[in-house]
């Protein structure tokens, strides 16, 4: 089975009340249209995961991010391919998270994190994201 290596941005922000939120995007295309995911994409040949993530967020959301710790690598078998997804904690350096490829986006709190229909691979990192939002 073909393996696709991708990176995902776990973009965290803190509100004035101290509550943390994470950014999620809704796919507007493909077999998984309308499902939710953490933004990111494929690692190109010769790119580090961190560089790939910065490039993908720039291309998809017109935003510059700081890439911090990897909180996990998700391995998931979709019907047509195996996904290997490295998930990194990120924060916004500049930009306004413009939706250039996604249908919708939302900031989720620890309480609302599981209120959207996540892609199966993304579900596997939610426990760790929940910890980050405490």
N, C-alpha and C. Protein backbone atom coordinates (compact mmCIF):
# COMPACT_ATOMS: atom_id res chain seq x y z
N UNK A 1 0.85 -1.18 0.00
CA UNK A 1 0.00 0.00 0.00
C UNK A 1 0.90 1.25 0.00
N UNK A 2 0.54 2.23 -0.79
CA UNK A 2 1.29 3.47 -0.90
C UNK A 2 1.19 4.27 0.41
N UNK A 3 2.33 4.81 0.86
CA UNK A 3 2.35 5.66 2.05
C UNK A 3 2.46 7.11 1.64
N UNK A 4 1.61 7.95 2.22
CA UNK A 4 1.67 9.39 1.99
C UNK A 4 2.09 10.04 3.31
N UNK A 5 3.19 10.80 3.26
CA UNK A 5 3.70 11.48 4.45
C UNK A 5 3.24 12.93 4.45
N UNK A 6 2.56 13.31 5.52
CA UNK A 6 2.02 14.66 5.63
C UNK A 6 2.36 15.25 7.00
N UNK A 7 2.11 16.56 7.10
CA UNK A 7 2.28 17.28 8.35
C UNK A 7 0.99 18.01 8.66
N UNK A 8 0.72 18.20 9.95
CA UNK A 8 -0.49 18.91 10.37
C UNK A 8 -0.12 19.94 11.42
N UNK A 9 -0.77 21.12 11.29
CA UNK A 9 -0.52 22.22 12.23
C UNK A 9 -1.59 22.24 13.30
N UNK A 10 -1.16 22.09 14.53
CA UNK A 10 -2.04 22.23 15.69
C UNK A 10 -1.84 23.67 16.16
N UNK A 11 -2.59 24.59 15.55
CA UNK A 11 -2.42 26.02 15.82
C UNK A 11 -3.22 26.39 17.06
N UNK A 12 -2.49 26.81 18.08
CA UNK A 12 -3.09 27.13 19.38
C UNK A 12 -3.03 28.64 19.62
N UNK A 13 -4.10 29.18 20.19
CA UNK A 13 -4.09 30.57 20.64
C UNK A 13 -4.76 30.65 22.01
N UNK A 14 -4.42 31.69 22.76
CA UNK A 14 -5.05 31.92 24.06
C UNK A 14 -5.91 33.17 23.96
N UNK A 15 -7.12 33.08 24.45
CA UNK A 15 -8.04 34.21 24.48
C UNK A 15 -7.73 35.08 25.69
N UNK A 16 -8.32 36.26 25.75
CA UNK A 16 -8.07 37.18 26.85
C UNK A 16 -8.51 36.60 28.19
N UNK A 17 -9.50 35.68 28.16
CA UNK A 17 -9.94 35.06 29.41
C UNK A 17 -9.04 33.89 29.82
N UNK A 18 -7.97 33.66 29.05
CA UNK A 18 -7.03 32.60 29.38
C UNK A 18 -7.38 31.26 28.77
N UNK A 19 -8.55 31.15 28.13
CA UNK A 19 -8.98 29.90 27.52
C UNK A 19 -8.21 29.66 26.21
N UNK A 20 -7.71 28.46 26.05
CA UNK A 20 -6.97 28.13 24.83
C UNK A 20 -7.92 27.57 23.77
N UNK A 21 -7.57 27.83 22.50
CA UNK A 21 -8.35 27.34 21.36
C UNK A 21 -7.41 26.75 20.33
N UNK A 22 -7.94 25.84 19.51
CA UNK A 22 -7.18 25.24 18.42
C UNK A 22 -7.95 25.48 17.12
N UNK A 23 -7.22 25.68 16.04
CA UNK A 23 -7.80 26.00 14.73
C UNK A 23 -8.04 24.72 13.94
N UNK A 24 -9.24 24.59 13.39
CA UNK A 24 -9.60 23.43 12.57
C UNK A 24 -10.20 23.92 11.25
N UNK A 25 -9.98 23.15 10.19
CA UNK A 25 -10.49 23.52 8.87
C UNK A 25 -11.37 22.42 8.31
N UNK A 26 -12.33 22.83 7.48
CA UNK A 26 -13.26 21.90 6.86
C UNK A 26 -12.89 21.74 5.38
N UNK A 27 -12.74 20.49 4.96
CA UNK A 27 -12.36 20.22 3.56
C UNK A 27 -13.48 20.62 2.62
N UNK A 28 -13.11 21.23 1.52
CA UNK A 28 -14.10 21.64 0.53
C UNK A 28 -14.01 20.85 -0.75
N UNK A 29 -13.29 19.72 -0.72
CA UNK A 29 -13.05 18.96 -1.95
C UNK A 29 -12.80 17.49 -1.63
N UNK A 30 -12.87 16.65 -2.66
CA UNK A 30 -12.46 15.25 -2.55
C UNK A 30 -13.44 14.34 -1.84
N UNK A 31 -12.98 13.12 -1.62
CA UNK A 31 -13.81 12.08 -1.00
C UNK A 31 -14.26 12.47 0.40
N UNK A 32 -13.46 13.23 1.09
CA UNK A 32 -13.78 13.60 2.47
C UNK A 32 -14.27 15.04 2.59
N UNK A 33 -14.92 15.53 1.55
CA UNK A 33 -15.48 16.89 1.57
C UNK A 33 -16.38 17.04 2.79
N UNK A 34 -16.31 18.19 3.42
CA UNK A 34 -17.10 18.55 4.61
C UNK A 34 -16.59 17.96 5.92
N UNK A 35 -15.59 17.08 5.89
CA UNK A 35 -15.00 16.56 7.13
C UNK A 35 -13.99 17.59 7.62
N UNK A 36 -13.67 17.55 8.90
CA UNK A 36 -12.77 18.51 9.53
C UNK A 36 -11.39 17.90 9.74
N UNK A 37 -10.37 18.78 9.71
CA UNK A 37 -8.98 18.35 9.84
C UNK A 37 -8.14 19.48 10.42
N UNK A 38 -6.95 19.12 10.85
CA UNK A 38 -5.96 20.12 11.19
C UNK A 38 -5.26 20.46 9.88
N UNK A 39 -5.06 21.75 9.57
CA UNK A 39 -4.49 22.12 8.28
C UNK A 39 -3.05 21.65 8.14
N UNK A 40 -2.64 21.46 6.89
CA UNK A 40 -1.29 21.01 6.59
C UNK A 40 -1.28 20.39 5.21
N UNK A 41 -0.37 19.46 4.99
CA UNK A 41 -0.31 18.81 3.68
C UNK A 41 0.92 17.95 3.52
N UNK A 42 1.17 17.59 2.26
CA UNK A 42 2.25 16.65 1.93
C UNK A 42 3.62 17.28 2.08
N UNK A 43 4.55 16.43 2.48
CA UNK A 43 5.96 16.82 2.55
C UNK A 43 6.57 16.56 1.18
N UNK A 44 7.15 17.60 0.58
CA UNK A 44 7.78 17.45 -0.73
C UNK A 44 9.20 16.92 -0.55
N UNK A 45 9.71 16.30 -1.61
CA UNK A 45 11.05 15.73 -1.56
C UNK A 45 12.08 16.81 -1.20
N UNK A 46 12.94 16.50 -0.23
CA UNK A 46 13.98 17.42 0.18
C UNK A 46 13.55 18.42 1.24
N UNK A 47 12.28 18.42 1.61
CA UNK A 47 11.77 19.35 2.62
C UNK A 47 11.80 18.71 4.00
N UNK A 48 12.10 19.51 5.01
CA UNK A 48 11.92 19.03 6.37
C UNK A 48 10.44 19.11 6.69
N UNK A 49 9.95 18.33 7.65
CA UNK A 49 8.54 18.43 8.02
C UNK A 49 8.14 19.85 8.43
N UNK A 50 9.02 20.53 9.16
CA UNK A 50 8.73 21.89 9.61
C UNK A 50 8.62 22.86 8.43
N UNK A 51 9.54 22.74 7.46
CA UNK A 51 9.48 23.60 6.27
C UNK A 51 8.22 23.31 5.46
N UNK A 52 7.87 22.03 5.34
CA UNK A 52 6.65 21.66 4.61
C UNK A 52 5.42 22.28 5.27
N UNK A 53 5.39 22.25 6.58
CA UNK A 53 4.24 22.79 7.30
C UNK A 53 4.14 24.30 7.13
N UNK A 54 5.27 24.99 7.23
CA UNK A 54 5.25 26.45 7.01
C UNK A 54 4.77 26.77 5.60
N UNK A 55 5.25 26.02 4.59
CA UNK A 55 4.84 26.24 3.20
C UNK A 55 3.36 25.97 3.01
N UNK A 56 2.88 24.86 3.53
CA UNK A 56 1.47 24.50 3.37
C UNK A 56 0.54 25.54 3.98
N UNK A 57 0.86 26.02 5.18
CA UNK A 57 0.01 27.01 5.84
C UNK A 57 0.06 28.34 5.08
N UNK A 58 1.22 28.67 4.54
CA UNK A 58 1.34 29.87 3.70
C UNK A 58 0.45 29.73 2.46
N UNK A 59 0.49 28.56 1.80
CA UNK A 59 -0.28 28.34 0.57
C UNK A 59 -1.79 28.23 0.84
N UNK A 60 -2.17 27.54 1.90
CA UNK A 60 -3.59 27.28 2.17
C UNK A 60 -4.28 28.39 2.94
N UNK A 61 -3.52 29.12 3.78
CA UNK A 61 -4.15 30.07 4.70
C UNK A 61 -3.51 31.46 4.69
N UNK A 62 -2.54 31.69 3.81
CA UNK A 62 -1.86 32.98 3.69
C UNK A 62 -1.38 33.49 5.05
N UNK A 63 -0.80 32.59 5.83
CA UNK A 63 -0.38 32.90 7.19
C UNK A 63 1.01 32.32 7.45
N UNK A 64 1.80 33.08 8.19
CA UNK A 64 3.12 32.60 8.62
C UNK A 64 2.98 32.05 10.03
N UNK A 65 3.56 30.87 10.26
CA UNK A 65 3.48 30.24 11.56
C UNK A 65 4.86 29.92 12.11
N UNK A 66 4.92 29.76 13.41
CA UNK A 66 6.08 29.23 14.10
C UNK A 66 5.76 27.77 14.39
N UNK A 67 6.66 26.87 14.00
CA UNK A 67 6.45 25.44 14.23
C UNK A 67 7.26 25.02 15.45
N UNK A 68 6.57 24.46 16.44
CA UNK A 68 7.19 24.08 17.70
C UNK A 68 7.31 22.55 17.79
N UNK A 69 6.90 22.00 18.92
CA UNK A 69 7.07 20.58 19.20
C UNK A 69 6.17 19.67 18.36
N UNK A 70 6.72 18.51 18.00
CA UNK A 70 5.91 17.45 17.39
C UNK A 70 5.23 16.72 18.55
N UNK A 71 3.89 16.67 18.52
CA UNK A 71 3.17 16.01 19.62
C UNK A 71 2.77 14.59 19.28
N UNK A 72 3.12 14.14 18.07
CA UNK A 72 2.83 12.77 17.72
C UNK A 72 2.82 12.55 16.23
N UNK A 73 3.04 11.30 15.85
CA UNK A 73 2.92 10.89 14.45
C UNK A 73 1.80 9.87 14.37
N UNK A 74 0.82 10.17 13.58
CA UNK A 74 -0.35 9.30 13.40
C UNK A 74 -0.13 8.41 12.19
N UNK A 75 -0.33 7.13 12.38
CA UNK A 75 -0.27 6.15 11.28
C UNK A 75 -1.70 5.63 11.09
N UNK A 76 -2.23 5.79 9.87
CA UNK A 76 -3.63 5.40 9.65
C UNK A 76 -3.79 4.84 8.23
N UNK A 77 -4.50 3.73 8.13
CA UNK A 77 -4.77 3.11 6.83
C UNK A 77 -6.13 3.55 6.30
N UNK A 78 -6.09 4.41 5.28
CA UNK A 78 -7.30 4.72 4.52
C UNK A 78 -7.44 3.63 3.46
N UNK A 79 -8.61 3.51 2.82
CA UNK A 79 -8.78 2.42 1.85
C UNK A 79 -7.75 2.40 0.72
N UNK A 80 -7.32 3.57 0.24
CA UNK A 80 -6.44 3.62 -0.92
C UNK A 80 -4.96 3.87 -0.60
N UNK A 81 -4.65 4.22 0.66
CA UNK A 81 -3.27 4.55 1.01
C UNK A 81 -3.08 4.51 2.52
N UNK A 82 -1.80 4.46 2.91
CA UNK A 82 -1.43 4.57 4.33
C UNK A 82 -0.98 6.00 4.57
N UNK A 83 -1.51 6.63 5.61
CA UNK A 83 -1.16 8.00 5.95
C UNK A 83 -0.21 8.01 7.15
N UNK A 84 0.88 8.75 7.02
CA UNK A 84 1.79 8.99 8.13
C UNK A 84 1.78 10.50 8.34
N UNK A 85 1.18 10.95 9.46
CA UNK A 85 0.95 12.37 9.70
C UNK A 85 1.66 12.84 10.97
N UNK A 86 2.66 13.71 10.79
CA UNK A 86 3.37 14.31 11.92
C UNK A 86 2.61 15.57 12.34
N UNK A 87 2.27 15.66 13.61
CA UNK A 87 1.47 16.78 14.13
C UNK A 87 2.33 17.69 14.99
N UNK A 88 2.36 18.97 14.64
CA UNK A 88 3.21 19.94 15.33
C UNK A 88 2.37 21.05 15.97
N UNK A 89 2.75 21.43 17.19
CA UNK A 89 2.14 22.59 17.83
C UNK A 89 2.69 23.83 17.13
N UNK A 90 1.78 24.75 16.79
CA UNK A 90 2.17 25.96 16.06
C UNK A 90 1.47 27.17 16.64
N UNK A 91 2.04 28.33 16.33
CA UNK A 91 1.35 29.58 16.65
C UNK A 91 1.54 30.54 15.48
N UNK A 92 0.65 31.51 15.39
CA UNK A 92 0.64 32.45 14.27
C UNK A 92 1.70 33.52 14.50
N UNK A 93 2.50 33.76 13.46
CA UNK A 93 3.49 34.83 13.49
C UNK A 93 2.88 36.07 12.81
N UNK A 94 2.25 35.87 11.64
CA UNK A 94 1.58 36.96 10.93
C UNK A 94 0.56 36.37 9.97
N UNK A 95 -0.44 37.18 9.63
CA UNK A 95 -1.49 36.74 8.73
C UNK A 95 -2.80 36.56 9.47
N UNK A 96 -3.87 36.33 8.68
CA UNK A 96 -5.21 36.27 9.25
C UNK A 96 -5.94 34.96 8.94
N UNK A 97 -5.22 33.90 8.62
CA UNK A 97 -5.82 32.59 8.35
C UNK A 97 -6.95 32.70 7.31
N UNK A 98 -6.59 33.18 6.12
CA UNK A 98 -7.54 33.29 5.01
C UNK A 98 -7.79 31.90 4.42
N UNK A 99 -9.05 31.55 4.18
CA UNK A 99 -9.38 30.24 3.62
C UNK A 99 -9.21 30.25 2.11
N UNK A 100 -8.06 29.77 1.63
CA UNK A 100 -7.79 29.73 0.20
C UNK A 100 -8.16 28.39 -0.42
N UNK A 101 -8.24 27.33 0.39
CA UNK A 101 -8.58 26.00 -0.11
C UNK A 101 -9.70 25.32 0.67
N UNK A 102 -9.93 25.75 1.89
CA UNK A 102 -10.92 25.08 2.74
C UNK A 102 -12.28 25.75 2.64
N UNK A 103 -13.30 24.99 2.99
CA UNK A 103 -14.68 25.45 2.93
C UNK A 103 -15.05 26.32 4.13
N UNK A 104 -14.51 25.97 5.29
CA UNK A 104 -14.86 26.65 6.52
C UNK A 104 -13.74 26.43 7.53
N UNK A 105 -13.79 27.19 8.61
CA UNK A 105 -12.80 27.04 9.69
C UNK A 105 -13.44 27.47 10.99
N UNK A 106 -12.89 26.97 12.09
CA UNK A 106 -13.43 27.30 13.40
C UNK A 106 -12.31 27.18 14.44
N UNK A 107 -12.41 28.01 15.49
CA UNK A 107 -11.55 27.88 16.66
C UNK A 107 -12.32 27.05 17.68
N UNK A 108 -11.73 25.96 18.14
CA UNK A 108 -12.39 25.06 19.08
C UNK A 108 -11.71 25.10 20.44
N UNK A 109 -12.52 25.00 21.48
CA UNK A 109 -12.00 24.92 22.85
C UNK A 109 -11.94 23.44 23.24
N UNK A 110 -11.44 23.20 24.42
CA UNK A 110 -11.39 21.82 24.94
C UNK A 110 -12.81 21.23 24.98
N UNK A 111 -13.78 22.07 25.33
CA UNK A 111 -15.17 21.61 25.45
C UNK A 111 -15.83 21.36 24.09
N UNK A 112 -15.39 22.07 23.05
CA UNK A 112 -16.03 21.91 21.73
C UNK A 112 -15.19 21.10 20.74
N UNK A 113 -14.03 20.63 21.18
CA UNK A 113 -13.08 19.95 20.29
C UNK A 113 -13.71 18.80 19.51
N UNK A 114 -14.57 18.04 20.14
CA UNK A 114 -15.15 16.85 19.49
C UNK A 114 -16.53 17.12 18.89
N UNK A 115 -16.86 18.40 18.68
CA UNK A 115 -18.18 18.75 18.17
C UNK A 115 -18.26 18.75 16.64
N UNK A 116 -17.14 18.56 15.96
CA UNK A 116 -17.13 18.52 14.50
C UNK A 116 -16.83 17.10 14.01
N UNK A 117 -17.10 16.85 12.75
CA UNK A 117 -16.87 15.52 12.16
C UNK A 117 -15.43 15.45 11.64
N UNK A 118 -14.52 14.97 12.51
CA UNK A 118 -13.10 14.88 12.19
C UNK A 118 -12.82 13.76 11.20
N UNK A 119 -11.80 13.95 10.36
CA UNK A 119 -11.28 12.86 9.54
C UNK A 119 -10.75 11.77 10.48
N UNK A 120 -10.85 10.51 10.07
CA UNK A 120 -10.44 9.41 10.96
C UNK A 120 -9.02 9.53 11.51
N UNK A 121 -8.06 9.93 10.70
CA UNK A 121 -6.68 10.05 11.19
C UNK A 121 -6.56 11.16 12.22
N UNK A 122 -7.25 12.27 12.00
CA UNK A 122 -7.16 13.40 12.92
C UNK A 122 -7.75 13.08 14.29
N UNK A 123 -8.74 12.21 14.32
CA UNK A 123 -9.35 11.79 15.59
C UNK A 123 -8.29 11.23 16.54
N UNK A 124 -7.29 10.55 15.97
CA UNK A 124 -6.29 9.86 16.78
C UNK A 124 -5.36 10.80 17.55
N UNK A 125 -5.33 12.09 17.20
CA UNK A 125 -4.46 13.04 17.93
C UNK A 125 -5.28 13.90 18.89
N UNK A 126 -6.60 13.75 18.92
CA UNK A 126 -7.45 14.63 19.72
C UNK A 126 -7.17 14.57 21.22
N UNK A 127 -6.83 13.41 21.75
CA UNK A 127 -6.52 13.32 23.19
C UNK A 127 -5.34 14.22 23.55
N UNK A 128 -4.30 14.23 22.69
CA UNK A 128 -3.13 15.07 22.96
C UNK A 128 -3.48 16.55 22.79
N UNK A 129 -4.31 16.86 21.81
CA UNK A 129 -4.73 18.25 21.61
C UNK A 129 -5.53 18.71 22.81
N UNK A 130 -6.38 17.84 23.30
CA UNK A 130 -7.20 18.16 24.49
C UNK A 130 -6.29 18.56 25.67
N UNK A 131 -5.20 17.83 25.86
CA UNK A 131 -4.25 18.14 26.93
C UNK A 131 -3.65 19.53 26.74
N UNK A 132 -3.34 19.89 25.48
CA UNK A 132 -2.76 21.20 25.18
C UNK A 132 -3.74 22.34 25.51
N UNK A 133 -5.02 22.04 25.44
CA UNK A 133 -6.05 23.06 25.64
C UNK A 133 -6.44 23.25 27.11
N UNK A 134 -5.83 22.48 28.01
CA UNK A 134 -6.15 22.59 29.43
C UNK A 134 -5.62 23.89 30.01
